[in-house]
Amino acid sequence: MTTPTPYKVLILCTGNSARSVLGEYLLRAKGKGRFEVHSAGSHPTGRVNPLAIRTLKEKYGLDATAARSKSWDEFQGVKFDFVITVCDNAKEACPVWPGQPMIAHWGSPDPAGVEGTEEQKYRCFVDVASQIARRVDLFCAFSDAQLLDAVAVRGVGGQFKLANEGDLKR
């Protein structure tokens, strides 16, 4: 009996400093080897937001200290099974990827754009991470056949809206 090759997933955002990093680490952990996960940005900031690293550590027990903010140019020529955008800018600017991967948009507000105290900013990171984690849980629960259903995969992005999402920058 052969072990199936993991699905290749790329999670995209503009800066690759918060939402896409949260998605990368959450899907890698929750997918338990079923997915080979990477993240990147259209205009990477060059550093991962420390609140993203803190959120992953304190709320999910994940060590993301090795995470780095990188350009999607690093992945030119890589054939992905899924490309998931987590911000509206990346959705609009998403390049064409080889191999015709399934493209899905799971937009979330930008926690890095929140103003306020450090604790208010952290609370927003926790809320956005929770939204992404619930979407990841749903994605991981899909059977292989369901993962091949574009409507189901794309529908994940419409699930689990935040109560104050309309007030937050995207």
Protein backbone atom coordinates (compact mmCIF):
# COMPACT_ATOMS: atom_id res chain seq x y z
CA MET A 1 0.00 0.00 0.00
CA THR A 2 1.45 3.37 -0.98
CA THR A 3 1.05 6.57 0.94
CA PRO A 4 -0.53 9.31 -1.17
CA THR A 5 1.61 12.33 -1.93
CA PRO A 6 0.56 15.31 0.19
CA TYR A 7 -1.49 17.99 -1.53
CA LYS A 8 0.60 21.09 -2.21
CA VAL A 9 -0.98 24.26 -0.85
CA LEU A 10 0.14 27.88 -1.18
CA ILE A 11 -1.51 30.48 1.04
CA LEU A 12 -1.19 34.04 -0.23
CA CYS A 13 -1.54 37.50 1.23
CA THR A 14 -0.06 40.86 0.41
CA GLY A 15 2.64 41.17 3.08
CA ASN A 16 3.08 37.53 4.14
CA SER A 17 3.42 38.78 7.70
CA ALA A 18 0.19 37.76 9.43
CA ARG A 19 -2.84 36.03 7.83
CA SER A 20 -0.97 33.82 5.35
CA VAL A 21 1.55 32.80 8.03
CA LEU A 22 -1.29 31.95 10.42
CA GLY A 23 -2.90 29.86 7.67
CA GLU A 24 0.36 28.13 6.77
CA TYR A 25 1.16 27.02 10.31
CA LEU A 26 -2.42 26.09 11.19
CA LEU A 27 -2.96 24.00 8.04
CA ARG A 28 0.42 22.32 8.39
CA ALA A 29 -0.37 21.33 11.99
CA LYS A 30 -4.02 20.41 11.57
CA GLY A 31 -3.44 18.64 8.24
CA LYS A 32 -1.08 16.17 9.93
CA GLY A 33 1.03 15.51 6.84
CA ARG A 34 -1.85 15.49 4.36
CA PHE A 35 -0.81 18.89 3.03
CA GLU A 36 2.56 20.38 2.11
CA VAL A 37 1.93 24.01 3.01
CA HIS A 38 3.73 27.21 2.07
CA SER A 39 2.84 30.89 2.35
CA ALA A 40 3.96 33.94 0.43
CA GLY A 41 3.05 37.51 -0.38
CA SER A 42 2.69 39.72 -3.42
CA HIS A 43 4.63 42.48 -1.61
CA PRO A 44 6.25 40.81 1.41
CA THR A 45 7.05 43.02 4.38
CA GLY A 46 10.31 41.20 5.03
CA ARG A 47 9.33 40.17 8.57
CA VAL A 48 6.60 38.16 10.23
CA ASN A 49 4.50 40.16 12.66
CA PRO A 50 5.48 39.19 16.23
CA LEU A 51 1.79 39.05 17.21
CA ALA A 52 1.24 36.29 14.63
CA ILE A 53 4.07 34.29 16.19
CA ARG A 54 2.70 34.96 19.69
CA THR A 55 -0.83 33.94 18.68
CA LEU A 56 0.33 30.66 17.16
CA LYS A 57 2.41 29.88 20.27
CA GLU A 58 -0.04 30.91 22.98
CA LYS A 59 -3.33 29.82 21.39
CA TYR A 60 -2.27 26.79 19.32
CA GLY A 61 1.02 25.64 20.84
CA LEU A 62 2.83 26.11 17.51
CA ASP A 63 6.37 27.39 17.21
CA ALA A 64 6.52 29.77 14.25
CA THR A 65 9.82 31.42 15.09
CA ALA A 66 11.29 30.02 11.85
CA ALA A 67 8.57 31.68 9.73
CA ARG A 68 9.75 34.26 7.24
CA SER A 69 8.02 36.75 5.01
CA LYS A 70 8.70 35.84 1.37
CA SER A 71 7.59 36.71 -2.14
CA TRP A 72 5.39 34.49 -4.23
CA ASP A 73 8.15 34.78 -6.83
CA GLU A 74 10.00 32.08 -4.84
CA PHE A 75 7.37 29.61 -5.97
CA GLN A 76 7.32 30.38 -9.70
CA GLY A 77 7.18 27.10 -11.56
CA VAL A 78 5.97 25.08 -8.55
CA LYS A 79 2.82 23.09 -9.26
CA PHE A 80 0.35 23.52 -6.40
CA ASP A 81 -2.90 21.65 -5.94
CA PHE A 82 -4.48 24.58 -4.08
CA VAL A 83 -3.75 28.29 -3.98
CA ILE A 84 -5.68 30.05 -1.21
CA THR A 85 -5.78 33.83 -0.90
CA VAL A 86 -6.54 35.23 2.54
CA CYS A 87 -6.68 38.92 1.66
CA ASP A 88 -8.57 40.80 -1.04
CA ASN A 89 -5.44 42.39 -2.55
CA ALA A 90 -3.78 39.02 -3.12
CA LYS A 91 -7.02 37.71 -4.63
CA GLU A 92 -7.05 40.50 -7.20
CA ALA A 93 -3.32 40.28 -8.01
CA CYS A 94 -3.00 36.48 -7.91
CA PRO A 95 -0.83 35.31 -10.81
CA VAL A 96 -1.52 32.30 -12.99
CA TRP A 97 0.06 29.21 -11.44
CA PRO A 98 1.33 26.21 -13.42
CA GLY A 99 -0.73 23.04 -13.39
CA GLN A 100 -4.03 24.86 -12.95
CA PRO A 101 -4.39 24.58 -9.16
CA MET A 102 -7.74 25.10 -7.52
CA ILE A 103 -7.94 28.75 -6.47
CA ALA A 104 -9.98 29.69 -3.40
CA HIS A 105 -10.45 32.96 -1.52
CA TRP A 106 -10.75 32.80 2.26
CA GLY A 107 -10.60 36.52 3.02
CA SER A 108 -10.01 37.70 6.56
CA PRO A 109 -9.54 41.18 8.01
CA ASP A 110 -5.95 42.34 8.39
CA PRO A 111 -5.00 42.09 12.08
CA ALA A 112 -1.74 43.93 11.36
CA GLY A 113 -3.77 46.98 10.33
CA VAL A 114 -5.56 47.34 13.66
CA GLU A 115 -4.73 50.37 15.76
CA GLY A 116 -4.91 50.44 19.53
CA THR A 117 -3.11 49.03 22.51
CA GLU A 118 -0.88 45.99 22.18
CA GLU A 119 -3.60 43.92 23.87
CA GLN A 120 -6.28 45.17 21.43
CA LYS A 121 -4.03 44.29 18.50
CA TYR A 122 -3.32 40.86 19.98
CA ARG A 123 -7.07 40.26 20.48
CA CYS A 124 -7.62 40.94 16.77
CA PHE A 125 -4.85 38.49 15.83
CA VAL A 126 -6.51 35.86 18.03
CA ASP A 127 -9.91 36.50 16.41
CA VAL A 128 -8.53 36.30 12.86
CA ALA A 129 -6.49 33.19 13.71
CA SER A 130 -9.65 31.59 15.11
CA GLN A 131 -11.51 32.35 11.87
CA ILE A 132 -8.70 30.88 9.79
CA ALA A 133 -8.43 27.85 12.11
CA ARG A 134 -12.14 27.06 11.70
CA ARG A 135 -11.79 27.25 7.92
CA VAL A 136 -8.71 25.02 8.09
CA ASP A 137 -10.64 22.52 10.23
CA LEU A 138 -13.39 22.38 7.61
CA PHE A 139 -10.86 22.01 4.78
CA CYS A 140 -9.06 19.21 6.65
CA ALA A 141 -12.36 17.40 7.24
CA PHE A 142 -12.98 17.09 3.50
CA SER A 143 -12.42 13.70 1.95
CA ASP A 144 -10.10 13.49 -1.05
CA ALA A 145 -13.17 13.50 -3.31
CA GLN A 146 -14.51 16.64 -1.62
CA LEU A 147 -11.13 18.37 -2.01
CA LEU A 148 -11.54 17.93 -5.76
CA ASP A 149 -14.91 19.72 -5.61
CA ALA A 150 -14.14 23.36 -6.44
CA VAL A 151 -17.49 24.60 -5.12
CA ALA A 152 -16.89 22.99 -1.72
CA VAL A 153 -13.33 24.27 -1.39
CA ARG A 154 -14.23 27.79 -2.49
CA GLY A 155 -17.23 27.76 -0.15
CA VAL A 156 -14.97 27.47 2.89
CA GLY A 157 -14.08 31.16 2.53
CA GLY A 158 -17.66 32.20 3.11
CA GLN A 159 -17.84 30.39 6.43
CA PHE A 160 -17.15 31.72 9.91
CA LYS A 161 -17.42 35.49 9.55
CA LEU A 162 -16.21 37.62 12.48
CA ALA A 163 -18.82 39.66 14.34
CA ASN A 164 -17.00 42.96 13.72
CA GLU A 165 -15.53 42.02 10.34
CA GLY A 166 -17.15 44.91 8.50
CA ASP A 167 -15.37 47.39 10.76
CA LEU A 168 -11.90 45.97 10.13
CA LYS A 169 -9.49 46.81 7.33
CA ARG A 170 -9.09 44.15 4.64
